[in-house]
Amino acid sequence: MSRTEKEAQRCLGKVYLLGAGPGDPGLITLKGKGLLECADVVIYDALVSPAILAMINPQAEKINAGKRMGRHSLLQEETTHLLIEKAREHSIVVRLKGGDPFIFGRGGEEMADLVQGGISVEVVPGITSGIAASAYAGIPLTHRLYSSSVTFVTGHEAVGKYKPKVNWQAIAQGSETIVIYMGIHNLPYIVEQLSAADLDLETPIALVRWGTRPEQEELIGTLNTIIQQVEETGFDAPAIAVIGSVVNMHSILSGCRPI
């Protein structure tokens, strides 16, 4: 084989940014499951459930690139370099991300870096936890009687971000339902900001931990009570927060959780 042919062969690989969904293996797309079953390499995040990981081709190389509070398996730059390296060695490289790659999953950053590096890349959407965990908790994010608008917002912003902070004033006044990702550790600050924006402290809030998994649990309160409830119960991440009148539906619909 000539040098040119070898170089061409090394560039045949493609990276798939695949959303694993929030945890329930039944929620991954058929396309996503098919890719896992034929992948040569899978680079996965910390919150991908064991049931999803069990779908991976047994012969595939599996690499943990997970990031949790204070515990990073790989730095973001290292993950990108690894994807490029593996794509030059293998045909099907899957970057397996919890939820959806483009919803607070750094998928846009990784895809841009791969394109810049000359790597063929495709995004395969997944169900994001803000939608799925709320649904499994019996909380419809929209409802004709309670909410006609939803805002998804991060509760944990990146250092050095283009904008120094979330505009909680605009969010509090601009949406009837607020879904906060990665906000448990910053919850006291978030509640303070929403209160300063004149959001009623009696507004219902639900925290949903390990959404769609068998161990899913919810903590229901109001903005006025939730901080003390978290302290008393030791409720911790990973969890989303849902704020708004739709949370009141939990008491009616939570008994209908999928099996």
Protein backbone atom coordinates (compact mmCIF):
# COMPACT_ATOMS: atom_id res chain seq x y z
CA MET A 1 0.00 0.00 0.00
CA SER A 2 1.38 3.40 -0.97
CA ARG A 3 1.89 6.24 1.47
CA THR A 4 -0.99 8.18 -0.14
CA GLU A 5 -3.32 5.19 0.26
CA LYS A 6 -2.29 4.76 3.88
CA GLU A 7 -2.94 8.43 4.62
CA ALA A 8 -6.32 8.22 2.93
CA GLN A 9 -7.20 5.13 4.98
CA ARG A 10 -6.30 6.94 8.18
CA CYS A 11 -8.87 9.63 7.37
CA LEU A 12 -11.82 7.32 6.76
CA GLY A 13 -13.17 7.52 10.30
CA LYS A 14 -16.28 9.41 11.34
CA VAL A 15 -17.24 10.71 14.77
CA TYR A 16 -20.85 10.49 15.92
CA LEU A 17 -21.87 12.83 18.74
CA LEU A 18 -24.55 10.59 20.19
CA GLY A 19 -27.10 11.57 22.82
CA ALA A 20 -27.68 8.66 25.19
CA GLY A 21 -30.76 10.17 26.77
CA PRO A 22 -31.12 10.61 30.53
CA GLY A 23 -30.66 7.00 31.66
CA ASP A 24 -33.61 4.76 30.82
CA PRO A 25 -32.24 2.49 28.06
CA GLY A 26 -35.64 2.52 26.36
CA LEU A 27 -35.22 6.22 25.59
CA ILE A 28 -32.14 5.98 23.36
CA THR A 29 -32.95 6.32 19.66
CA LEU A 30 -32.86 3.32 17.33
CA LYS A 31 -30.10 5.05 15.37
CA GLY A 32 -28.10 5.54 18.54
CA LYS A 33 -28.46 1.91 19.59
CA GLY A 34 -27.36 0.76 16.14
CA LEU A 35 -24.24 2.93 16.30
CA LEU A 36 -23.27 1.55 19.72
CA GLU A 37 -23.62 -1.98 18.43
CA CYS A 38 -21.19 -1.44 15.54
CA ALA A 39 -18.81 1.15 17.03
CA ASP A 40 -15.05 0.66 16.98
CA VAL A 41 -14.47 3.15 19.80
CA VAL A 42 -16.88 4.69 22.33
CA ILE A 43 -15.80 7.67 24.42
CA TYR A 44 -18.49 8.15 27.04
CA ASP A 45 -19.52 10.59 29.76
CA ALA A 46 -19.91 9.95 33.49
CA LEU A 47 -23.70 10.14 33.59
CA VAL A 48 -24.34 7.55 30.87
CA SER A 49 -26.22 4.71 32.59
CA PRO A 50 -24.80 1.17 32.87
CA ALA A 51 -27.78 -0.12 30.86
CA ILE A 52 -26.77 2.10 27.93
CA LEU A 53 -23.10 1.13 28.22
CA ALA A 54 -24.17 -2.52 28.05
CA MET A 55 -25.36 -1.90 24.47
CA ILE A 56 -21.83 -1.16 23.25
CA ASN A 57 -20.17 -3.60 20.86
CA PRO A 58 -18.17 -5.99 23.11
CA GLN A 59 -15.15 -5.63 20.81
CA ALA A 60 -15.19 -1.83 20.93
CA GLU A 61 -12.60 0.17 22.82
CA LYS A 62 -14.38 1.98 25.68
CA ILE A 63 -12.93 5.16 27.18
CA ASN A 64 -14.36 7.07 30.15
CA ALA A 65 -14.17 10.82 29.52
CA GLY A 66 -16.65 11.70 32.26
CA LYS A 67 -16.75 14.99 34.12
CA ARG A 68 -18.36 15.36 37.55
CA MET A 69 -18.05 18.09 40.15
CA GLY A 70 -14.35 18.21 41.06
CA ARG A 71 -13.56 14.92 39.28
CA HIS A 72 -12.46 15.03 35.64
CA SER A 73 -11.37 11.84 33.85
CA LEU A 74 -10.23 13.87 30.85
CA LEU A 75 -9.96 17.59 30.23
CA GLN A 76 -12.12 18.92 27.40
CA GLU A 77 -9.08 19.59 25.21
CA GLU A 78 -7.82 16.07 25.83
CA THR A 79 -11.19 14.63 24.83
CA THR A 80 -11.16 16.54 21.55
CA HIS A 81 -7.62 15.43 20.72
CA LEU A 82 -8.57 11.84 21.55
CA LEU A 83 -11.58 11.97 19.22
CA ILE A 84 -9.41 13.22 16.36
CA GLU A 85 -6.79 10.57 17.04
CA LYS A 86 -9.32 7.73 17.15
CA ALA A 87 -11.11 8.96 14.02
CA ARG A 88 -7.82 8.64 12.13
CA GLU A 89 -7.47 5.05 13.28
CA HIS A 90 -11.04 3.68 13.17
CA SER A 91 -14.15 3.89 11.00
CA ILE A 92 -16.86 4.47 13.63
CA VAL A 93 -16.05 6.56 16.69
CA VAL A 94 -18.93 7.35 19.03
CA ARG A 95 -18.80 10.24 21.47
CA LEU A 96 -21.53 9.11 23.85
CA LYS A 97 -23.01 11.95 25.88
CA GLY A 98 -25.76 11.93 28.48
CA GLY A 99 -29.04 13.54 27.40
CA ASP A 100 -28.68 15.50 24.15
CA PRO A 101 -25.26 16.62 22.86
CA PHE A 102 -26.42 20.16 22.11
CA ILE A 103 -28.30 20.83 25.38
CA PHE A 104 -25.64 21.81 27.93
CA GLY A 105 -23.49 18.94 26.68
CA ARG A 106 -20.64 20.83 24.98
CA GLY A 107 -21.62 19.11 21.75
CA GLY A 108 -21.42 22.32 19.79
CA GLU A 109 -17.87 22.95 21.02
CA GLU A 110 -16.71 19.43 20.24
CA MET A 111 -18.33 19.40 16.81
CA ALA A 112 -16.69 22.72 15.87
CA ASP A 113 -13.28 21.43 16.97
CA LEU A 114 -13.71 18.24 14.96
CA VAL A 115 -14.76 20.13 11.84
CA GLN A 116 -11.77 22.42 12.25
CA GLY A 117 -9.58 19.33 12.59
CA GLY A 118 -10.85 17.98 9.29
CA ILE A 119 -12.82 15.13 10.85
CA SER A 120 -16.16 13.96 9.46
CA VAL A 121 -18.75 14.33 12.23
CA GLU A 122 -22.49 13.82 12.69
CA VAL A 123 -24.75 14.64 15.62
CA VAL A 124 -27.37 12.11 16.72
CA PRO A 125 -29.84 13.85 19.06
CA GLY A 126 -30.97 12.37 22.36
CA ILE A 127 -33.77 13.09 24.83
CA THR A 128 -32.60 15.72 27.27
CA SER A 129 -33.06 15.23 31.01
CA GLY A 130 -35.03 18.45 31.39
CA ILE A 131 -37.84 16.94 29.35
CA ALA A 132 -37.59 13.27 30.32
CA ALA A 133 -36.99 13.60 34.07
CA SER A 134 -39.86 16.06 34.36
CA ALA A 135 -42.17 13.71 32.48
CA TYR A 136 -41.23 10.71 34.62
CA ALA A 137 -41.93 12.85 37.70
CA GLY A 138 -45.42 13.63 36.46
CA ILE A 139 -44.64 17.28 35.70
CA PRO A 140 -45.76 18.52 32.25
CA LEU A 141 -43.57 21.46 31.35
CA THR A 142 -46.43 23.07 29.47
CA HIS A 143 -50.12 22.94 30.35
CA ARG A 144 -53.00 24.96 28.98
CA LEU A 145 -54.01 26.07 32.47
CA TYR A 146 -50.56 26.75 33.93
CA SER A 147 -47.78 27.34 31.42
CA SER A 148 -47.37 28.32 27.78
CA SER A 149 -43.61 28.90 27.94
CA VAL A 150 -40.50 27.04 29.10
CA THR A 151 -36.92 28.20 29.62
CA PHE A 152 -33.97 25.82 29.91
CA VAL A 153 -31.03 27.34 31.76
CA THR A 154 -27.74 26.17 33.23
CA GLY A 155 -27.17 26.57 36.94
CA HIS A 156 -23.44 26.00 36.53
CA GLU A 157 -21.76 28.36 34.08
CA ALA A 158 -18.34 27.88 32.56
CA VAL A 159 -15.43 29.94 33.81
CA GLY A 160 -14.48 32.68 31.35
CA LYS A 161 -17.79 32.49 29.53
CA TYR A 162 -18.61 35.20 26.97
CA LYS A 163 -21.25 36.51 29.37
CA PRO A 164 -20.47 36.64 33.10
CA LYS A 165 -23.80 35.34 34.40
CA VAL A 166 -27.30 34.16 33.61
CA ASN A 167 -29.84 36.97 33.40
CA TRP A 168 -32.08 35.64 36.16
CA GLN A 169 -34.16 38.84 36.10
CA ALA A 170 -35.20 38.20 32.49
CA ILE A 171 -35.78 34.50 33.11
CA ALA A 172 -37.92 35.08 36.20
CA GLN A 173 -40.17 37.50 34.35
CA GLY A 174 -40.09 35.92 30.90
CA SER A 175 -41.14 32.30 31.37
CA GLU A 176 -43.87 30.44 33.24
CA THR A 177 -41.77 27.28 33.65
CA ILE A 178 -38.04 27.29 34.37
CA VAL A 179 -35.92 24.15 34.05
CA ILE A 180 -32.46 24.39 35.58
CA TYR A 181 -29.66 21.97 34.76
CA MET A 182 -26.69 21.41 37.11
CA GLY A 183 -28.05 23.86 39.66
CA ILE A 184 -28.16 21.91 42.92
CA HIS A 185 -24.84 23.18 44.27
CA ASN A 186 -25.75 26.77 43.36
CA LEU A 187 -29.39 26.55 44.45
CA PRO A 188 -29.14 29.11 47.32
CA TYR A 189 -27.71 31.69 44.90
CA ILE A 190 -30.30 30.86 42.23
CA VAL A 191 -33.21 31.21 44.66
CA GLU A 192 -31.77 34.50 45.89
CA GLN A 193 -31.53 35.81 42.32
CA LEU A 194 -35.06 34.73 41.44
CA SER A 195 -36.40 36.34 44.61
CA ALA A 196 -34.55 39.56 43.78
CA ALA A 197 -36.26 39.41 40.38
CA ASP A 198 -39.65 39.45 42.17
CA LEU A 199 -40.52 35.81 41.60
CA ASP A 200 -42.95 34.82 44.36
CA LEU A 201 -41.22 32.70 47.01
CA GLU A 202 -44.34 30.54 47.18
CA THR A 203 -43.68 29.41 43.60
CA PRO A 204 -43.51 25.59 43.51
CA ILE A 205 -40.21 23.89 42.74
CA ALA A 206 -39.35 20.24 42.10
CA LEU A 207 -35.90 18.69 42.21
CA VAL A 208 -35.63 15.46 40.23
CA ARG A 209 -32.57 13.30 40.87
CA TRP A 210 -31.36 10.46 38.61
CA GLY A 211 -34.25 11.14 36.24
CA THR A 212 -35.76 8.14 34.37
CA ARG A 213 -33.61 5.63 36.22
CA PRO A 214 -34.99 3.11 38.74
CA GLU A 215 -33.47 5.20 41.56
CA GLN A 216 -35.22 8.41 40.49
CA GLU A 217 -36.44 10.53 43.39
CA GLU A 218 -38.12 13.92 43.72
CA LEU A 219 -38.09 16.67 46.31
CA ILE A 220 -41.08 19.03 46.12
CA GLY A 221 -41.30 22.40 47.83
CA THR A 222 -41.42 26.12 47.19
CA LEU A 223 -38.66 28.63 46.61
CA ASN A 224 -39.12 29.60 50.24
CA THR A 225 -38.62 26.08 51.63
CA ILE A 226 -36.45 24.16 49.19
CA ILE A 227 -33.02 25.15 50.54
CA GLN A 228 -33.88 23.89 54.02
CA GLN A 229 -35.40 20.74 52.53
CA VAL A 230 -32.20 20.01 50.61
CA GLU A 231 -30.13 20.50 53.76
CA GLU A 232 -32.39 18.29 55.86
CA THR A 233 -32.58 15.44 53.34
CA GLY A 234 -29.07 15.62 51.89
CA PHE A 235 -30.56 15.78 48.41
CA ASP A 236 -27.68 16.03 45.96
CA ALA A 237 -26.73 16.09 42.28
CA PRO A 238 -27.20 14.92 39.58
CA ALA A 239 -30.60 16.56 39.42
CA ILE A 240 -32.64 19.10 37.53
CA ALA A 241 -34.92 21.75 39.04
CA VAL A 242 -38.35 22.60 37.67
CA ILE A 243 -39.90 25.88 38.83
CA GLY A 244 -43.46 27.00 38.15
CA SER A 245 -47.12 26.18 38.67
CA VAL A 246 -46.81 23.01 36.58
CA VAL A 247 -45.05 21.42 39.57
CA ASN A 248 -48.47 21.21 41.23
CA MET A 249 -49.36 18.49 38.72
CA HIS A 250 -46.83 16.18 40.38
CA SER A 251 -49.28 15.20 43.12
CA ILE A 252 -51.81 14.13 40.48
CA LEU A 253 -49.62 12.52 37.82
CA SER A 254 -46.57 11.11 39.64
CA GLY A 255 -48.24 7.73 40.19
CA CYS A 256 -48.22 7.11 36.43
CA ARG A 257 -44.44 6.83 36.09
CA PRO A 258 -43.25 4.58 33.24
CA ILE A 259 -42.06 1.13 34.20
